[in-house]
Each structure stands twice: as C-alpha cells, then as structure tokens.
Amino acid sequence: MSPSKTARILFAAALGLGFAAGPAAAQELIFRKSTTFKMLTPNDKLATYAIDDPLVDGVVCHYTVPEKGGVSGMFGVAEELSDVSIACRQYGPIKISGKFSQGDVVFSERRSLVFKRMQIVRGCDAKRNVLVYMVYSDKLIDGSPKNSTSAVAIQPWGATNEVVRCGDFAKD
C-alpha cells in the first residue's frame, strides 16, 4: 500500500473515530426509542438528551435528535438528519454567571463526519425577561432551515422573590 493511501485511510479513520466516540460530556442521554427495525444492524432511533446551560444555573434544555441505524450508523459515519426539537425549562433559582451575546452557542455537536453541525444558541428577550433557546443545524454547502425554539420565562423560585433580569447580562 502506498504511503499516501495509508495516510488517507488513517485520516478517514481518525475523523470517523472522532465522530463515533459519542456525545460530548456536556449532554446526558435520557432515553432512546427505536423508530424502525433492522434485522442485522442497529435500528434507527430518536434520542432525547439533557444539557444544562453552562452560563445559566437553573435552566435545562431537553432536545431530541434522530440517530441513524444500519451499517453507516453502526460505524458512526452516517450523516444524521437535521430534524431536532428542543424544550427548555427553569428547574430551580436562575443565576446567570456572566455576560453573553445574543445567539451565543450553548452546545454544539457534529451531525456528519465533516460538514454538518447541530447547535443550541441562547438569547435574551429583555423586554419580557425571557431566555430564548434555538436549536438548528448548519451544513457548509446547502445550509438547513430546520430549527426549533424554546423560551424560559425567568420566575422567582422557592422562598426568595428575587428575579434575575437577563437584560442585565445580555450584550448588544
């Protein structure tokens, strides 16, 4: 085998291993549900994950993504669909630990070997004191209009009546 062919194979394997290594540490698998049956390879599934906003304590986002089965899914080389849904909720007192820009990335994950990413971004509707989260996938060549949005109205929690104003932390 020629050295250039060996290098190409090793490069492709490295890309594949990076993608197949699994979800980033910031997300937590809640459950998976099979959507199709495949006899000898893994089924197609819907997987629901939770992520905590790294800058905003007291907010969790749950998102559901399709996961391809079959041979390409088994080896981690399938280009995943762009269909993603999201729901974010306040689960405790909200504390924002720093300034953020509108549209800052909260979480990002590859959805293909090279060209497609799924991203969750955060914004602030200062007038209504609502944190807004949007999930979308982008693709280098074609792009993708598929997206989903969820909003978290910041409310008092527990014995304290203090309410954080997201507008105090959002940069213009």
Protein backbone atom coordinates (compact mmCIF):
# COMPACT_ATOMS: atom_id res chain seq x y z
CA MET A 1 0.00 0.00 0.00
CA SER A 2 1.36 3.43 -0.93
CA PRO A 3 2.21 5.93 1.85
CA SER A 4 -0.35 8.44 0.53
CA LYS A 5 -3.11 5.82 0.51
CA THR A 6 -2.17 4.78 4.07
CA ALA A 7 -2.26 8.43 5.18
CA ARG A 8 -5.73 8.92 3.61
CA ILE A 9 -7.05 5.80 5.35
CA LEU A 10 -5.61 6.89 8.72
CA PHE A 11 -7.07 10.40 8.28
CA ALA A 12 -10.51 8.97 7.44
CA ALA A 13 -10.32 6.62 10.42
CA ALA A 14 -9.37 9.49 12.73
CA LEU A 15 -12.35 11.51 11.52
CA GLY A 16 -14.63 8.53 11.98
CA LEU A 17 -13.36 7.79 15.47
CA GLY A 18 -13.83 11.40 16.50
CA PHE A 19 -17.44 11.27 15.37
CA ALA A 20 -18.19 7.77 16.64
CA ALA A 21 -16.70 8.45 20.05
CA GLY A 22 -20.14 9.54 21.20
CA PRO A 23 -21.81 12.56 22.68
CA ALA A 24 -19.93 15.40 24.30
CA ALA A 25 -19.58 15.36 28.08
CA ALA A 26 -21.97 18.30 28.43
CA GLN A 27 -25.02 16.27 27.43
CA GLU A 28 -26.79 13.46 29.24
CA LEU A 29 -28.79 10.74 27.48
CA ILE A 30 -32.29 10.49 28.97
CA PHE A 31 -33.65 7.72 26.72
CA ARG A 32 -33.76 6.32 23.18
CA LYS A 33 -36.75 4.95 21.27
CA SER A 34 -36.43 2.78 18.14
CA THR A 35 -38.35 4.04 15.11
CA THR A 36 -37.51 1.27 12.62
CA PHE A 37 -36.48 -2.35 12.84
CA LYS A 38 -33.34 -3.54 11.09
CA MET A 39 -32.55 -7.24 11.13
CA LEU A 40 -28.74 -7.36 11.45
CA THR A 41 -27.74 -3.78 12.21
CA PRO A 42 -28.79 -1.17 14.77
CA ASN A 43 -32.28 0.34 14.44
CA ASP A 44 -32.93 3.98 13.60
CA LYS A 45 -33.76 5.77 16.85
CA LEU A 46 -34.88 9.01 18.40
CA ALA A 47 -32.66 10.01 21.31
CA THR A 48 -33.53 12.57 23.97
CA TYR A 49 -30.70 14.35 25.75
CA ALA A 50 -30.48 16.95 28.52
CA ILE A 51 -27.98 19.77 28.70
CA ASP A 52 -27.54 22.33 31.43
CA ASP A 53 -26.81 25.84 30.24
CA PRO A 54 -23.16 26.38 31.28
CA LEU A 55 -23.76 30.09 31.99
CA VAL A 56 -27.28 29.95 33.46
CA ASP A 57 -27.86 27.87 36.58
CA GLY A 58 -31.43 26.60 36.97
CA VAL A 59 -32.18 26.03 33.27
CA VAL A 60 -32.15 22.68 31.47
CA CYS A 61 -32.80 22.04 27.80
CA HIS A 62 -34.01 18.69 26.52
CA TYR A 63 -33.57 18.03 22.83
CA THR A 64 -34.46 15.06 20.65
CA VAL A 65 -32.43 14.05 17.61
CA PRO A 66 -32.76 11.19 15.13
CA GLU A 67 -29.92 8.67 15.16
CA LYS A 68 -29.32 6.59 12.05
CA GLY A 69 -29.01 2.85 12.36
CA GLY A 70 -27.92 0.48 9.64
CA VAL A 71 -24.33 -0.12 8.64
CA SER A 72 -23.37 3.57 8.40
CA GLY A 73 -24.89 4.28 11.83
CA MET A 74 -23.17 1.24 13.31
CA PHE A 75 -19.75 2.59 12.25
CA GLY A 76 -20.53 6.22 13.10
CA VAL A 77 -20.25 7.54 9.54
CA ALA A 78 -23.91 8.30 8.79
CA GLU A 79 -24.94 11.86 8.05
CA GLU A 80 -27.64 12.47 10.61
CA LEU A 81 -30.90 14.21 9.77
CA SER A 82 -31.35 17.88 10.64
CA ASP A 83 -34.66 17.30 12.44
CA VAL A 84 -34.16 18.40 16.05
CA SER A 85 -36.68 19.56 18.65
CA ILE A 86 -35.98 21.40 21.90
CA ALA A 87 -37.76 22.23 25.17
CA CYS A 88 -36.07 24.31 27.88
CA ARG A 89 -37.38 24.83 31.42
CA GLN A 90 -36.49 26.51 34.68
CA TYR A 91 -35.91 23.83 37.33
CA GLY A 92 -34.51 25.96 40.15
CA PRO A 93 -33.47 29.50 41.00
CA ILE A 94 -31.89 31.13 37.96
CA LYS A 95 -28.41 32.58 38.37
CA ILE A 96 -26.56 33.96 35.36
CA SER A 97 -22.81 33.77 35.92
CA GLY A 98 -21.57 36.16 33.23
CA LYS A 99 -22.31 38.39 30.27
CA PHE A 100 -23.36 36.81 26.99
CA SER A 101 -24.07 37.92 23.45
CA GLN A 102 -27.35 37.28 21.68
CA GLY A 103 -27.00 33.97 19.84
CA ASP A 104 -24.10 32.62 21.92
CA VAL A 105 -23.57 28.89 21.43
CA VAL A 106 -24.61 26.86 24.48
CA PHE A 107 -23.92 23.45 22.92
CA SER A 108 -22.65 22.16 19.58
CA GLU A 109 -22.37 18.67 18.13
CA ARG A 110 -21.26 17.21 14.80
CA ARG A 111 -24.05 15.55 12.79
CA SER A 112 -21.82 14.24 9.98
CA LEU A 113 -18.15 13.46 9.52
CA VAL A 114 -17.21 16.93 8.33
CA PHE A 115 -19.83 19.37 7.12
CA LYS A 116 -22.89 19.41 9.41
CA ARG A 117 -23.29 20.67 13.00
CA MET A 118 -26.24 20.92 15.35
CA GLN A 119 -26.07 23.96 17.62
CA ILE A 120 -28.09 25.27 20.55
CA VAL A 121 -27.84 29.04 20.97
CA ARG A 122 -29.15 31.40 23.65
CA GLY A 123 -30.65 34.86 23.55
CA CYS A 124 -32.50 37.20 25.87
CA ASP A 125 -35.85 38.91 25.31
CA ALA A 126 -35.06 41.70 27.78
CA LYS A 127 -38.47 43.36 27.49
CA ARG A 128 -40.23 40.21 28.74
CA ASN A 129 -37.32 38.83 30.84
CA VAL A 130 -37.30 35.58 28.90
CA LEU A 131 -34.33 33.42 27.92
CA VAL A 132 -34.77 32.11 24.37
CA TYR A 133 -33.04 28.97 23.12
CA MET A 134 -32.90 27.92 19.48
CA VAL A 135 -31.57 24.67 18.06
CA TYR A 136 -30.61 24.43 14.40
CA SER A 137 -28.33 22.51 12.14
CA ASP A 138 -25.98 24.09 9.68
CA LYS A 139 -24.36 22.49 6.70
CA LEU A 140 -21.38 24.01 4.94
CA ILE A 141 -22.70 23.56 1.40
CA ASP A 142 -26.51 23.57 1.48
CA GLY A 143 -27.41 25.02 4.87
CA SER A 144 -30.53 23.85 6.65
CA PRO A 145 -33.72 25.72 7.53
CA LYS A 146 -34.68 23.14 10.17
CA ASN A 147 -34.85 24.67 13.63
CA SER A 148 -36.80 24.71 16.87
CA THR A 149 -37.18 27.37 19.58
CA SER A 150 -37.97 27.24 23.29
CA ALA A 151 -38.37 30.07 25.81
CA VAL A 152 -37.85 30.17 29.58
CA ALA A 153 -39.65 32.95 31.45
CA ILE A 154 -37.46 33.81 34.44
CA GLN A 155 -39.60 33.40 37.58
CA PRO A 156 -38.95 33.62 41.33
CA TRP A 157 -38.11 30.24 42.85
CA GLY A 158 -38.52 28.97 46.41
CA ALA A 159 -38.54 31.30 49.40
CA THR A 160 -36.70 34.08 47.59
CA ASN A 161 -38.64 36.55 45.47
CA GLU A 162 -35.52 37.73 43.67
CA VAL A 163 -35.77 37.58 39.90
CA VAL A 164 -32.68 37.88 37.73
CA ARG A 165 -33.09 40.19 34.71
CA CYS A 166 -31.50 38.56 31.65
CA GLY A 167 -31.17 42.01 30.05
CA ASP A 168 -28.58 42.88 32.73
CA PHE A 169 -26.34 40.15 31.29
CA ALA A 170 -27.04 40.33 27.55
CA LYS A 171 -24.59 42.29 25.43
CA ASP A 172 -25.98 44.21 22.48
